[in-house]
PDB file of N, CA and C in Angstrom:
ATOM      1  N   MET A   1       5.452  -1.379   7.295  1.00  0.00           N
ATOM      2  CA  MET A   1       4.074  -1.949   7.317  1.00  0.00           C
ATOM      3  C   MET A   1       3.333  -1.417   6.070  1.00  0.00           C
ATOM      4  N   LEU A   2       3.554  -0.209   5.682  1.00  0.00           N
ATOM      5  CA  LEU A   2       2.852   0.282   4.476  1.00  0.00           C
ATOM      6  C   LEU A   2       3.318  -0.382   3.261  1.00  0.00           C
ATOM      7  N   ILE A   3       4.673  -0.632   3.163  1.00  0.00           N
ATOM      8  CA  ILE A   3       5.246  -1.343   2.072  1.00  0.00           C
ATOM      9  C   ILE A   3       4.689  -2.727   1.883  1.00  0.00           C
ATOM     10  N   ILE A   4       4.572  -3.438   3.088  1.00  0.00           N
ATOM     11  CA  ILE A   4       4.037  -4.790   3.038  1.00  0.00           C
ATOM     12  C   ILE A   4       2.559  -4.708   2.538  1.00  0.00           C
ATOM     13  N   TYR A   5       1.811  -3.785   3.048  1.00  0.00           N
ATOM     14  CA  TYR A   5       0.375  -3.654   2.585  1.00  0.00           C
ATOM     15  C   TYR A   5       0.331  -3.410   1.098  1.00  0.00           C
ATOM     16  N   LEU A   6       1.170  -2.465   0.555  1.00  0.00           N
ATOM     17  CA  LEU A   6       1.136  -2.186  -0.885  1.00  0.00           C
ATOM     18  C   LEU A   6       1.544  -3.351  -1.691  1.00  0.00           C
ATOM     19  N   ARG A   7       2.577  -4.111  -1.255  1.00  0.00           N
ATOM     20  CA  ARG A   7       2.944  -5.283  -2.028  1.00  0.00           C
ATOM     21  C   ARG A   7       1.830  -6.263  -2.069  1.00  0.00           C
ATOM     22  N   ALA A   8       1.206  -6.500  -0.916  1.00  0.00           N
ATOM     23  CA  ALA A   8       0.052  -7.461  -0.932  1.00  0.00           C
ATOM     24  C   ALA A   8      -1.084  -6.944  -1.791  1.00  0.00           C
ATOM     25  N   HIS A   9      -1.381  -5.635  -1.756  1.00  0.00           N
ATOM     26  CA  HIS A   9      -2.439  -5.089  -2.554  1.00  0.00           C
ATOM     27  C   HIS A   9      -2.142  -5.213  -4.054  1.00  0.00           C
ATOM     28  N   LEU A  10      -0.949  -4.991  -4.412  1.00  0.00           N
ATOM     29  CA  LEU A  10      -0.523  -5.088  -5.861  1.00  0.00           C
ATOM     30  C   LEU A  10      -0.647  -6.520  -6.360  1.00  0.00           C
ATOM     31  N   GLN A  11      -0.235  -7.509  -5.483  1.00  0.00           N
ATOM     32  CA  GLN A  11      -0.346  -8.869  -5.819  1.00  0.00           C
ATOM     33  C   GLN A  11      -1.810  -9.307  -6.004  1.00  0.00           C
ATOM     34  N   SER A  12      -2.669  -8.832  -5.059  1.00  0.00           N
ATOM     35  CA  SER A  12      -4.080  -9.271  -5.163  1.00  0.00           C
ATOM     36  C   SER A  12      -4.687  -8.575  -6.356  1.00  0.00           C
ATOM     37  N   LYS A  13      -4.274  -7.332  -6.672  1.00  0.00           N
ATOM     38  CA  LYS A  13      -4.794  -6.616  -7.837  1.00  0.00           C
ATOM     39  C   LYS A  13      -4.447  -7.378  -9.132  1.00  0.00           C
ATOM     40  N   ARG A  14      -3.206  -7.802  -9.186  1.00  0.00           N
ATOM     41  CA  ARG A  14      -2.783  -8.601 -10.403  1.00  0.00           C
ATOM     42  C   ARG A  14      -3.640  -9.844 -10.632  1.00  0.00           C
ATOM     43  N   LYS A  15      -3.858 -10.561  -9.477  1.00  0.00           N
ATOM     44  CA  LYS A  15      -4.562 -11.808  -9.557  1.00  0.00           C
ATOM     45  C   LYS A  15      -6.050 -11.572  -9.932  1.00  0.00           C
ATOM     46  N   SER A  16      -6.597 -10.433  -9.502  1.00  0.00           N
ATOM     47  CA  SER A  16      -7.988 -10.217  -9.825  1.00  0.00           C
ATOM     48  C   SER A  16      -8.264  -9.726 -11.191  1.00  0.00           C
ATOM     49  N   MET A  17      -7.328  -9.208 -11.875  1.00  0.00           N
ATOM     50  CA  MET A  17      -7.515  -8.698 -13.158  1.00  0.00           C
ATOM     51  C   MET A  17      -7.624  -9.796 -14.209  1.00  0.00           C
ATOM     52  N   ASN A  18      -8.431  -9.572 -15.200  1.00  0.00           N
ATOM     53  CA  ASN A  18      -8.516 -10.580 -16.302  1.00  0.00           C
ATOM     54  C   ASN A  18      -7.312 -10.449 -17.279  1.00  0.00           C
ATOM     55  N   LYS A  19      -7.287 -11.286 -18.259  1.00  0.00           N
ATOM     56  CA  LYS A  19      -6.097 -11.288 -19.166  1.00  0.00           C
ATOM     57  C   LYS A  19      -6.000 -10.055 -20.020  1.00  0.00           C
ATOM     58  N   ASN A  20      -7.086  -9.320 -20.240  1.00  0.00           N
ATOM     59  CA  ASN A  20      -7.053  -8.092 -21.044  1.00  0.00           C
ATOM     60  C   ASN A  20      -6.565  -6.891 -20.276  1.00  0.00           C
ATOM     61  N   GLN A  21      -6.566  -6.968 -18.969  1.00  0.00           N
ATOM     62  CA  GLN A  21      -6.173  -5.864 -18.110  1.00  0.00           C
ATOM     63  C   GLN A  21      -4.809  -6.174 -17.483  1.00  0.00           C
ATOM     64  N   TYR A  22      -4.061  -5.154 -17.163  1.00  0.00           N
ATOM     65  CA  TYR A  22      -2.779  -5.346 -16.503  1.00  0.00           C
ATOM     66  C   TYR A  22      -2.431  -4.099 -15.761  1.00  0.00           C
ATOM     67  N   LEU A  23      -1.579  -4.328 -14.748  1.00  0.00           N
ATOM     68  CA  LEU A  23      -1.010  -3.182 -13.981  1.00  0.00           C
ATOM     69  C   LEU A  23       0.374  -2.912 -14.526  1.00  0.00           C
ATOM     70  N   PRO A  24       0.670  -1.849 -15.158  1.00  0.00           N
ATOM     71  CA  PRO A  24       2.032  -1.641 -15.730  1.00  0.00           C
ATOM     72  C   PRO A  24       3.080  -1.728 -14.608  1.00  0.00           C
ATOM     73  N   ALA A  25       4.269  -2.246 -14.935  1.00  0.00           N
ATOM     74  CA  ALA A  25       5.363  -2.421 -13.996  1.00  0.00           C
ATOM     75  C   ALA A  25       5.738  -1.044 -13.451  1.00  0.00           C
ATOM     76  N   GLU A  26       5.749  -0.007 -14.335  1.00  0.00           N
ATOM     77  CA  GLU A  26       6.123   1.258 -13.834  1.00  0.00           C
ATOM     78  C   GLU A  26       5.233   1.812 -12.666  1.00  0.00           C
ATOM     79  N   MET A  27       3.871   1.499 -12.818  1.00  0.00           N
ATOM     80  CA  MET A  27       2.973   1.928 -11.736  1.00  0.00           C
ATOM     81  C   MET A  27       3.342   1.214 -10.399  1.00  0.00           C
ATOM     82  N   SER A  28       3.625  -0.148 -10.492  1.00  0.00           N
ATOM     83  CA  SER A  28       4.072  -0.796  -9.280  1.00  0.00           C
ATOM     84  C   SER A  28       5.257  -0.166  -8.615  1.00  0.00           C
ATOM     85  N   LYS A  29       6.267   0.147  -9.459  1.00  0.00           N
ATOM     86  CA  LYS A  29       7.460   0.787  -9.029  1.00  0.00           C
ATOM     87  C   LYS A  29       7.196   2.167  -8.306  1.00  0.00           C
ATOM     88  N   ILE A  30       6.345   2.873  -8.970  1.00  0.00           N
ATOM     89  CA  ILE A  30       5.993   4.204  -8.413  1.00  0.00           C
ATOM     90  C   ILE A  30       5.298   4.076  -7.097  1.00  0.00           C
ATOM     91  N   LEU A  31       4.386   3.157  -6.949  1.00  0.00           N
ATOM     92  CA  LEU A  31       3.645   2.897  -5.684  1.00  0.00           C
ATOM     93  C   LEU A  31       4.624   2.466  -4.567  1.00  0.00           C
ATOM     94  N   LEU A  32       5.582   1.570  -4.909  1.00  0.00           N
ATOM     95  CA  LEU A  32       6.518   1.167  -3.905  1.00  0.00           C
ATOM     96  C   LEU A  32       7.467   2.262  -3.488  1.00  0.00           C
ATOM     97  N   GLN A  33       7.867   3.091  -4.428  1.00  0.00           N
ATOM     98  CA  GLN A  33       8.698   4.254  -4.156  1.00  0.00           C
ATOM     99  C   GLN A  33       7.962   5.195  -3.131  1.00  0.00           C
ATOM    100  N   ILE A  34       6.725   5.474  -3.443  1.00  0.00           N
ATOM    101  CA  ILE A  34       5.899   6.323  -2.572  1.00  0.00           C
ATOM    102  C   ILE A  34       5.840   5.708  -1.181  1.00  0.00           C
ATOM    103  N   ALA A  35       5.618   4.392  -1.083  1.00  0.00           N
ATOM    104  CA  ALA A  35       5.469   3.720   0.164  1.00  0.00           C
ATOM    105  C   ALA A  35       6.778   3.771   0.968  1.00  0.00           C
ATOM    106  N   SER A  36       7.874   3.517   0.314  1.00  0.00           N
ATOM    107  CA  SER A  36       9.177   3.506   0.965  1.00  0.00           C
ATOM    108  C   SER A  36       9.515   4.948   1.425  1.00  0.00           C
ATOM    109  N   PHE A  37       9.199   5.975   0.672  1.00  0.00           N
ATOM    110  CA  PHE A  37       9.496   7.342   1.024  1.00  0.00           C
ATOM    111  C   PHE A  37       8.700   7.757   2.195  1.00  0.00           C
ATOM    112  N   SER A  38       7.386   7.406   2.212  1.00  0.00           N
ATOM    113  CA  SER A  38       6.493   7.891   3.250  1.00  0.00           C
ATOM    114  C   SER A  38       6.589   7.069   4.556  1.00  0.00           C
ATOM    115  N   SER A  39       7.093   5.818   4.474  1.00  0.00           N
ATOM    116  CA  SER A  39       7.141   4.980   5.646  1.00  0.00           C
ATOM    117  C   SER A  39       8.017   5.600   6.740  1.00  0.00           C
ATOM    118  N   ALA A  40       9.025   6.282   6.395  1.00  0.00           N
ATOM    119  CA  ALA A  40       9.860   6.979   7.433  1.00  0.00           C
ATOM    120  C   ALA A  40       9.105   8.007   8.198  1.00  0.00           C
ATOM    121  N   TYR A  41       8.223   8.722   7.429  1.00  0.00           N
ATOM    122  CA  TYR A  41       7.408   9.673   8.115  1.00  0.00           C
ATOM    123  C   TYR A  41       6.293   9.117   8.950  1.00  0.00           C
ATOM    124  N   LEU A  42       5.704   7.966   8.481  1.00  0.00           N
ATOM    125  CA  LEU A  42       4.723   7.307   9.260  1.00  0.00           C
ATOM    126  C   LEU A  42       5.267   6.761  10.564  1.00  0.00           C
ATOM    127  N   ASP A  43       6.472   6.328  10.575  1.00  0.00           N
ATOM    128  CA  ASP A  43       7.098   5.857  11.779  1.00  0.00           C
ATOM    129  C   ASP A  43       7.235   6.894  12.848  1.00  0.00           C
ATOM    130  N   MET A  44       7.235   8.168  12.470  1.00  0.00           N
ATOM    131  CA  MET A  44       7.403   9.253  13.433  1.00  0.00           C
ATOM    132  C   MET A  44       6.032   9.616  14.059  1.00  0.00           C
ATOM    133  N   LEU A  45       4.952   9.108  13.440  1.00  0.00           N
ATOM    134  CA  LEU A  45       3.593   9.540  13.993  1.00  0.00           C
ATOM    135  C   LEU A  45       3.342   8.699  15.241  1.00  0.00           C
ATOM    136  N   PRO A  46       2.384   9.210  16.040  1.00  0.00           N
ATOM    137  CA  PRO A  46       2.008   8.512  17.281  1.00  0.00           C
ATOM    138  C   PRO A  46       1.531   7.062  16.953  1.00  0.00           C
ATOM    139  N   GLN A  47       2.034   6.137  17.736  1.00  0.00           N
ATOM    140  CA  GLN A  47       1.702   4.705  17.505  1.00  0.00           C
ATOM    141  C   GLN A  47       0.683   4.161  18.490  1.00  0.00           C
ATOM    142  N   ASN A  48      -0.370   4.920  18.744  1.00  0.00           N
ATOM    143  CA  ASN A  48      -1.404   4.355  19.620  1.00  0.00           C
ATOM    144  C   ASN A  48      -2.408   3.484  18.824  1.00  0.00           C
ATOM    145  N   THR A  49      -3.142   2.651  19.490  1.00  0.00           N
ATOM    146  CA  THR A  49      -3.953   1.689  18.760  1.00  0.00           C
ATOM    147  C   THR A  49      -5.019   2.289  17.848  1.00  0.00           C
ATOM    148  N   GLN A  50      -5.682   3.413  18.366  1.00  0.00           N
ATOM    149  CA  GLN A  50      -6.749   4.044  17.606  1.00  0.00           C
ATOM    150  C   GLN A  50      -6.183   4.611  16.301  1.00  0.00           C
ATOM    151  N   PHE A  51      -5.030   5.242  16.397  1.00  0.00           N
ATOM    152  CA  PHE A  51      -4.434   5.844  15.183  1.00  0.00           C
ATOM    153  C   PHE A  51      -4.096   4.750  14.193  1.00  0.00           C
ATOM    154  N   SER A  52      -3.449   3.662  14.680  1.00  0.00           N
ATOM    155  CA  SER A  52      -3.047   2.562  13.769  1.00  0.00           C
ATOM    156  C   SER A  52      -4.281   1.959  13.128  1.00  0.00           C
ATOM    157  N   GLN A  53      -5.356   1.765  13.860  1.00  0.00           N
ATOM    158  CA  GLN A  53      -6.534   1.185  13.294  1.00  0.00           C
ATOM    159  C   GLN A  53      -7.137   2.098  12.222  1.00  0.00           C
ATOM    160  N   ARG A  54      -7.102   3.392  12.503  1.00  0.00           N
ATOM    161  CA  ARG A  54      -7.713   4.342  11.583  1.00  0.00           C
ATOM    162  C   ARG A  54      -6.870   4.349  10.217  1.00  0.00           C
ATOM    163  N   ILE A  55      -5.561   4.299  10.359  1.00  0.00           N
ATOM    164  CA  ILE A  55      -4.713   4.280   9.183  1.00  0.00           C
ATOM    165  C   ILE A  55      -4.979   2.950   8.358  1.00  0.00           C
ATOM    166  N   PHE A  56      -5.076   1.835   9.060  1.00  0.00           N
ATOM    167  CA  PHE A  56      -5.307   0.549   8.412  1.00  0.00           C
ATOM    168  C   PHE A  56      -6.705   0.605   7.689  1.00  0.00           C
ATOM    169  N   ASN A  57      -7.715   1.125   8.379  1.00  0.00           N
ATOM    170  CA  ASN A  57      -9.034   1.222   7.810  1.00  0.00           C
ATOM    171  C   ASN A  57      -9.033   2.030   6.516  1.00  0.00           C
ATOM    172  N   ILE A  58      -8.388   3.182   6.591  1.00  0.00           N
ATOM    173  CA  ILE A  58      -8.229   4.057   5.385  1.00  0.00           C
ATOM    174  C   ILE A  58      -7.539   3.293   4.205  1.00  0.00           C
ATOM    175  N   SER A  59      -6.473   2.650   4.545  1.00  0.00           N
ATOM    176  CA  SER A  59      -5.700   1.895   3.519  1.00  0.00           C
ATOM    177  C   SER A  59      -6.498   0.732   2.974  1.00  0.00           C
ATOM    178  N   ALA A  60      -7.262   0.062   3.770  1.00  0.00           N
ATOM    179  CA  ALA A  60      -8.007  -1.107   3.352  1.00  0.00           C
ATOM    180  C   ALA A  60      -9.172  -0.690   2.518  1.00  0.00           C
ATOM    181  N   SER A  61      -9.650   0.507   2.598  1.00  0.00           N
ATOM    182  CA  SER A  61     -10.815   0.929   1.811  1.00  0.00           C
ATOM    183  C   SER A  61     -10.449   1.317   0.442  1.00  0.00           C
ATOM    184  N   HIS A  62      -9.170   1.479   0.151  1.00  0.00           N
ATOM    185  CA  HIS A  62      -8.764   1.922  -1.162  1.00  0.00           C
ATOM    186  C   HIS A  62      -8.257   0.738  -2.017  1.00  0.00           C
TER     187      HIS A  62
END
């Protein structure tokens, strides 16, 4: 789920930037590596609705 969010976030970030700005490919790779590494640990956390909503709200605000 985190990887899907990060991919969508990176795609929207690229679309919103003007021609003079860019997101380096290396930064995209690093963010995806962090997401794939941490997703295994996030799967071990409690999966109740309040916890999931809180994580989503934190992610959406960044």
